Amino acid sequence: MALVQTTLTETEIKELFKQAVAEVLQEQRELLYEVFWEALEDIALAQAIQHSEGTPMVSREAIFRLLEDV
């Protein structure tokens, strides 16, 4: 069996790579959505913690009373 050798240019390699990445993004859309959503939640939590630094402490009971009213 003969071995066939193919030479690709840098442009062709880049195009193949772009196509492969696009295919993965389409096939794994839900996974990527979950990853980005988790990252956004982590950022929001970190910002909330930073924002609350230096504010007075609130009891757990007071928080649950507020949540019950919602």
C-alpha atoms as a PDB file:
ATOM      1  CA  MET A   1       0.000   0.000   0.000  1.00  0.00           C
ATOM      2  CA  ALA A   2       1.463   3.365  -1.014  1.00  0.00           C
ATOM      3  CA  LEU A   3       1.784   6.180   1.511  1.00  0.00           C
ATOM      4  CA  VAL A   4       0.347   9.462   0.284  1.00  0.00           C
ATOM      5  CA  GLN A   5       1.990  12.616   1.539  1.00  0.00           C
ATOM      6  CA  THR A   6       0.111  15.901   1.631  1.00  0.00           C
ATOM      7  CA  THR A   7       1.623  19.288   2.258  1.00  0.00           C
ATOM      8  CA  LEU A   8      -0.606  22.021   3.661  1.00  0.00           C
ATOM      9  CA  THR A   9       0.120  25.708   3.614  1.00  0.00           C
ATOM     10  CA  GLU A  10      -0.112  27.777   6.778  1.00  0.00           C
ATOM     11  CA  THR A  11      -3.326  29.343   5.464  1.00  0.00           C
ATOM     12  CA  GLU A  12      -4.882  25.914   4.853  1.00  0.00           C
ATOM     13  CA  ILE A  13      -3.899  24.748   8.340  1.00  0.00           C
ATOM     14  CA  LYS A  14      -5.443  27.873   9.887  1.00  0.00           C
ATOM     15  CA  GLU A  15      -8.657  27.350   7.920  1.00  0.00           C
ATOM     16  CA  LEU A  16      -8.894  23.693   8.975  1.00  0.00           C
ATOM     17  CA  PHE A  17      -8.309  24.700  12.590  1.00  0.00           C
ATOM     18  CA  LYS A  18     -11.039  27.364  12.399  1.00  0.00           C
ATOM     19  CA  GLN A  19     -13.470  24.827  10.948  1.00  0.00           C
ATOM     20  CA  ALA A  20     -12.637  22.316  13.682  1.00  0.00           C
ATOM     21  CA  VAL A  21     -13.133  24.891  16.446  1.00  0.00           C
ATOM     22  CA  ALA A  22     -16.435  26.043  14.926  1.00  0.00           C
ATOM     23  CA  GLU A  23     -17.633  22.444  14.767  1.00  0.00           C
ATOM     24  CA  VAL A  24     -16.751  21.817  18.411  1.00  0.00           C
ATOM     25  CA  LEU A  25     -18.493  25.031  19.469  1.00  0.00           C
ATOM     26  CA  GLN A  26     -21.654  24.013  17.643  1.00  0.00           C
ATOM     27  CA  GLU A  27     -21.646  20.462  18.992  1.00  0.00           C
ATOM     28  CA  GLN A  28     -20.841  21.463  22.575  1.00  0.00           C
ATOM     29  CA  ARG A  29     -23.009  24.591  22.776  1.00  0.00           C
ATOM     30  CA  GLU A  30     -24.823  23.520  25.961  1.00  0.00           C
ATOM     31  CA  LEU A  31     -21.576  22.652  27.751  1.00  0.00           C
ATOM     32  CA  LEU A  32     -20.039  26.003  26.813  1.00  0.00           C
ATOM     33  CA  TYR A  33     -23.183  27.803  27.969  1.00  0.00           C
ATOM     34  CA  GLU A  34     -22.951  26.087  31.363  1.00  0.00           C
ATOM     35  CA  VAL A  35     -19.255  26.916  31.707  1.00  0.00           C
ATOM     36  CA  PHE A  36     -19.815  30.605  30.903  1.00  0.00           C
ATOM     37  CA  TRP A  37     -22.873  30.766  33.172  1.00  0.00           C
ATOM     38  CA  GLU A  38     -20.879  29.303  36.086  1.00  0.00           C
ATOM     39  CA  ALA A  39     -18.094  31.823  35.461  1.00  0.00           C
ATOM     40  CA  LEU A  40     -20.583  34.708  35.468  1.00  0.00           C
ATOM     41  CA  GLU A  41     -22.120  33.476  38.720  1.00  0.00           C
ATOM     42  CA  ASP A  42     -18.665  33.272  40.314  1.00  0.00           C
ATOM     43  CA  ILE A  43     -17.849  36.814  39.185  1.00  0.00           C
ATOM     44  CA  ALA A  44     -21.175  38.118  40.505  1.00  0.00           C
ATOM     45  CA  LEU A  45     -20.632  36.404  43.864  1.00  0.00           C
ATOM     46  CA  ALA A  46     -17.111  37.818  44.152  1.00  0.00           C
ATOM     47  CA  GLN A  47     -18.419  41.312  43.368  1.00  0.00           C
ATOM     48  CA  ALA A  48     -21.219  40.947  45.921  1.00  0.00           C
ATOM     49  CA  ILE A  49     -18.717  39.894  48.576  1.00  0.00           C
ATOM     50  CA  GLN A  50     -16.419  42.807  47.719  1.00  0.00           C
ATOM     51  CA  HIS A  51     -19.332  45.237  47.765  1.00  0.00           C
ATOM     52  CA  SER A  52     -20.471  44.030  51.182  1.00  0.00           C
ATOM     53  CA  GLU A  53     -17.064  44.383  52.836  1.00  0.00           C
ATOM     54  CA  GLY A  54     -17.194  47.041  55.522  1.00  0.00           C
ATOM     55  CA  THR A  55     -20.982  46.896  55.914  1.00  0.00           C
ATOM     56  CA  PRO A  56     -22.576  45.874  59.206  1.00  0.00           C
ATOM     57  CA  MET A  57     -23.283  42.194  59.834  1.00  0.00           C
ATOM     58  CA  VAL A  58     -26.892  40.965  59.667  1.00  0.00           C
ATOM     59  CA  SER A  59     -28.243  37.990  61.562  1.00  0.00           C
ATOM     60  CA  ARG A  60     -29.308  34.853  59.761  1.00  0.00           C
ATOM     61  CA  GLU A  61     -32.811  35.231  61.152  1.00  0.00           C
ATOM     62  CA  ALA A  62     -33.131  38.722  59.677  1.00  0.00           C
ATOM     63  CA  ILE A  63     -32.155  37.413  56.248  1.00  0.00           C
ATOM     64  CA  PHE A  64     -34.666  34.567  56.397  1.00  0.00           C
ATOM     65  CA  ARG A  65     -37.418  36.955  57.503  1.00  0.00           C
ATOM     66  CA  LEU A  66     -36.717  39.079  54.412  1.00  0.00           C
ATOM     67  CA  LEU A  67     -36.721  36.013  52.166  1.00  0.00           C
ATOM     68  CA  GLU A  68     -40.048  34.829  53.581  1.00  0.00           C
ATOM     69  CA  ASP A  69     -41.624  38.169  52.665  1.00  0.00           C
ATOM     70  CA  VAL A  70     -40.640  37.799  49.001  1.00  0.00           C
END
